[in-house]
Amino acid sequence: MLKGVARKDFDIVASWSVDRLGRSLIDLVNVLQELYSTGVDLYLHQQVINTTTPAGKALFGTMGGPTHILQRSGQPRGATPLSTKS
């Protein structure tokens, strides 16, 4: 699918649910980044997200903030301990 996105073979990717886009959070972040960078829209049936609409684009944009932080940290979500012993 990502090869087709990179070649811009299609305009929209449709999925039943967001959990079907990647096997891990990092996979999901990479898929969302690839879609965003190539301008391919996303439709998620269960989450009612459709980036062909202004509301869907706004929601997709707000999802970009946390994903950017996760990518920069290089750690999967929840990998940082809550407390450390001295």
Protein backbone atom coordinates (compact mmCIF):
# COMPACT_ATOMS: atom_id res chain seq x y z
CA MET A 1 0.00 0.00 0.00
CA LEU A 2 2.76 2.46 0.91
CA LYS A 3 4.42 1.93 -2.47
CA GLY A 4 1.19 2.98 -4.13
CA VAL A 5 0.97 6.00 -1.82
CA ALA A 6 4.54 7.01 -2.70
CA ARG A 7 3.76 6.70 -6.44
CA LYS A 8 0.45 8.54 -5.89
CA ASP A 9 -1.44 5.69 -7.56
CA PHE A 10 -4.56 6.67 -5.62
CA ASP A 11 -6.06 9.70 -3.90
CA ILE A 12 -7.46 8.14 -0.73
CA VAL A 13 -6.72 5.21 1.57
CA ALA A 14 -9.79 3.66 3.19
CA SER A 15 -9.55 1.45 6.26
CA TRP A 16 -12.07 -0.12 8.60
CA SER A 17 -10.19 1.16 11.66
CA VAL A 18 -6.99 2.96 12.58
CA ASP A 19 -5.58 -0.24 14.13
CA ARG A 20 -5.57 -1.83 10.65
CA LEU A 21 -3.00 0.67 9.35
CA GLY A 22 -0.04 -0.57 11.37
CA ARG A 23 1.07 -3.39 13.65
CA SER A 24 2.63 -1.02 16.16
CA LEU A 25 2.45 2.63 17.10
CA ILE A 26 5.66 3.31 15.17
CA ASP A 27 4.18 1.65 12.06
CA LEU A 28 1.06 3.78 12.43
CA VAL A 29 3.13 6.95 12.80
CA ASN A 30 5.07 6.09 9.64
CA VAL A 31 1.90 5.40 7.65
CA LEU A 32 0.27 8.65 8.79
CA GLN A 33 3.42 10.60 7.96
CA GLU A 34 3.63 9.05 4.49
CA LEU A 35 -0.03 9.84 3.78
CA TYR A 36 0.36 13.41 4.99
CA SER A 37 3.59 14.07 3.09
CA THR A 38 2.23 12.76 -0.23
CA GLY A 39 -1.17 14.42 0.08
CA VAL A 40 -3.12 11.15 0.01
CA ASP A 41 -6.36 11.42 1.98
CA LEU A 42 -7.48 8.98 4.66
CA TYR A 43 -10.89 7.54 5.49
CA LEU A 44 -11.32 5.54 8.72
CA HIS A 45 -14.78 4.00 9.05
CA GLN A 46 -14.84 3.18 12.79
CA GLN A 47 -13.31 6.49 13.90
CA VAL A 48 -15.34 8.51 11.37
CA ILE A 49 -12.25 10.33 10.09
CA ASN A 50 -12.33 11.59 6.52
CA THR A 51 -9.51 13.92 5.52
CA THR A 52 -11.34 15.01 2.37
CA THR A 53 -13.44 17.26 4.64
CA PRO A 54 -12.25 20.34 6.58
CA ALA A 55 -13.13 18.71 9.92
CA GLY A 56 -11.21 15.54 8.98
CA LYS A 57 -8.17 17.58 7.93
CA ALA A 58 -8.23 19.42 11.27
CA LEU A 59 -8.44 16.15 13.21
CA PHE A 60 -5.65 14.64 11.13
CA GLY A 61 -3.53 17.72 11.84
CA THR A 62 -4.03 17.39 15.60
CA MET A 63 -2.91 13.75 15.39
CA GLY A 64 0.38 14.99 13.94
CA GLY A 65 1.57 16.66 17.15
CA PRO A 66 1.86 13.54 19.33
CA THR A 67 3.25 11.48 16.44
CA HIS A 68 5.99 14.06 15.84
CA ILE A 69 6.99 13.88 19.52
CA LEU A 70 7.09 10.07 19.42
CA GLN A 71 9.25 10.03 16.31
CA ARG A 72 11.74 12.50 17.75
CA SER A 73 12.06 10.60 21.01
CA GLY A 74 12.92 7.35 19.23
CA GLN A 75 11.12 5.39 21.94
CA PRO A 76 7.80 3.58 21.75
CA ARG A 77 4.99 5.08 23.76
CA GLY A 78 5.11 4.05 27.42
CA ALA A 79 8.78 3.09 27.36
CA THR A 80 9.86 5.80 29.80
CA PRO A 81 9.64 4.75 33.46
CA LEU A 82 7.38 6.80 35.71
CA SER A 83 9.97 7.03 38.46
CA THR A 84 13.67 6.33 38.76
CA LYS A 85 15.66 5.20 41.78
CA SER A 86 18.77 7.18 42.67
